[in-house]
C-alpha cells in the first residue's frame, strides 16, 4: 500500500484502520478519526466538517477536497484528526 489509507465506519465514527508507511510518516495513525478536511486558505478554499458522519460523507468530503486541490493546482490537503488513545484500567487490590 503506497500512500494508502483504509477507513472503516463503526458506531458513528469513521476510523483509520489501515495506514501505509508513507501515510504514517505524514502523521496519521490507526484509530484516528477524520473530523475535518481543508484545502487552501481564505476565500476560495475548501473545507468540510465531518465529525460523526458516515463513511460515504467522509469519502465525499475527501473527494471534494481532491477535486478542489487539482482544479486549483494545490498540493496539500489538510486533515483535522481526533486521536483515540488506548487506555487501561488497573485494579488496585
Protein backbone atom coordinates (compact mmCIF):
# COMPACT_ATOMS: atom_id res chain seq x y z
CA UNK A 1 0.00 0.00 0.00
CA UNK A 2 1.76 3.22 -1.13
CA UNK A 3 0.28 6.37 0.39
CA UNK A 4 -2.74 4.35 1.36
CA UNK A 5 -5.43 4.75 3.95
CA UNK A 6 -8.15 2.27 4.89
CA UNK A 7 -11.29 3.61 6.56
CA UNK A 8 -13.99 1.76 8.48
CA UNK A 9 -17.33 3.04 9.75
CA UNK A 10 -18.11 2.00 13.33
CA UNK A 11 -20.81 3.34 15.67
CA UNK A 12 -20.90 6.89 14.34
CA UNK A 13 -17.17 7.17 13.73
CA UNK A 14 -15.05 6.69 10.65
CA UNK A 15 -11.79 5.15 11.84
CA UNK A 16 -8.49 4.89 10.01
CA UNK A 17 -7.87 1.16 10.22
CA UNK A 18 -5.02 0.72 7.77
CA UNK A 19 -2.22 3.22 7.28
CA UNK A 20 0.68 2.81 4.85
CA UNK A 21 4.20 3.80 5.92
CA UNK A 22 4.04 6.94 3.75
CA UNK A 23 0.72 7.94 5.32
CA UNK A 24 2.02 7.16 8.80
CA UNK A 25 5.05 9.36 8.12
CA UNK A 26 2.61 12.17 7.30
CA UNK A 27 1.10 11.80 10.79
CA UNK A 28 -1.92 9.51 10.52
CA UNK A 29 -2.22 6.52 12.83
CA UNK A 30 -4.63 3.60 13.07
CA UNK A 31 -7.71 4.54 15.13
CA UNK A 32 -7.50 8.23 14.14
CA UNK A 33 -10.85 9.72 13.15
CA UNK A 34 -11.12 12.38 10.45
CA UNK A 35 -13.24 15.32 11.62
CA UNK A 36 -12.34 17.94 9.01
CA UNK A 37 -10.90 18.27 5.51
CA UNK A 38 -9.39 21.54 4.24
CA UNK A 39 -7.67 22.70 1.07
CA UNK A 40 -6.21 26.20 0.81
CA UNK A 41 -6.83 29.23 2.98
CA UNK A 42 -9.22 32.16 2.89
CA UNK A 43 -11.53 33.00 0.02
CA UNK A 44 -11.81 30.15 -2.47
CA UNK A 45 -10.68 27.47 -0.04
CA UNK A 46 -12.47 24.17 0.52
CA UNK A 47 -13.49 22.97 3.97
CA UNK A 48 -15.79 20.20 5.17
CA UNK A 49 -16.56 19.29 8.78
CA UNK A 50 -17.17 15.54 9.05
CA UNK A 51 -17.35 14.56 12.74
CA UNK A 52 -19.83 11.72 13.34
CA UNK A 53 -20.54 11.46 9.61
CA UNK A 54 -20.95 8.29 7.60
CA UNK A 55 -18.14 6.72 5.61
CA UNK A 56 -19.93 7.89 2.46
CA UNK A 57 -19.94 11.51 3.72
CA UNK A 58 -16.26 11.41 4.72
CA UNK A 59 -15.33 9.91 1.35
CA UNK A 60 -17.37 12.61 -0.45
CA UNK A 61 -15.57 15.33 1.53
CA UNK A 62 -12.18 13.83 0.70
CA UNK A 63 -13.08 13.55 -2.99
CA UNK A 64 -14.31 17.15 -2.96
CA UNK A 65 -11.02 18.23 -1.41
CA UNK A 66 -9.03 16.31 -4.04
CA UNK A 67 -11.08 17.81 -6.88
CA UNK A 68 -10.61 21.32 -5.43
CA UNK A 69 -6.87 20.79 -4.99
CA UNK A 70 -6.44 19.54 -8.57
CA UNK A 71 -8.58 22.33 -10.06
CA UNK A 72 -6.57 24.97 -8.20
CA UNK A 73 -3.16 23.30 -8.58
CA UNK A 74 -2.75 22.92 -4.82
CA UNK A 75 -0.55 20.15 -3.47
CA UNK A 76 -1.74 19.89 0.14
CA UNK A 77 -4.93 18.59 1.71
CA UNK A 78 -5.10 19.12 5.47
CA UNK A 79 -6.98 16.62 7.63
CA UNK A 80 -8.20 17.51 11.11
CA UNK A 81 -8.00 14.42 13.30
CA UNK A 82 -9.16 13.15 16.63
CA UNK A 83 -6.77 10.60 18.03
CA UNK A 84 -8.14 7.71 20.05
CA UNK A 85 -5.74 6.57 22.72
CA UNK A 86 -5.99 3.13 24.23
CA UNK A 87 -6.47 3.26 27.96
CA UNK A 88 -6.28 0.51 30.52
CA UNK A 89 -7.82 0.25 33.94
CA UNK A 90 -5.63 -1.16 36.65
CA UNK A 91 -7.49 -2.63 39.61
CA UNK A 92 -5.80 -1.59 42.82
CA UNK A 93 -6.35 -4.51 45.16
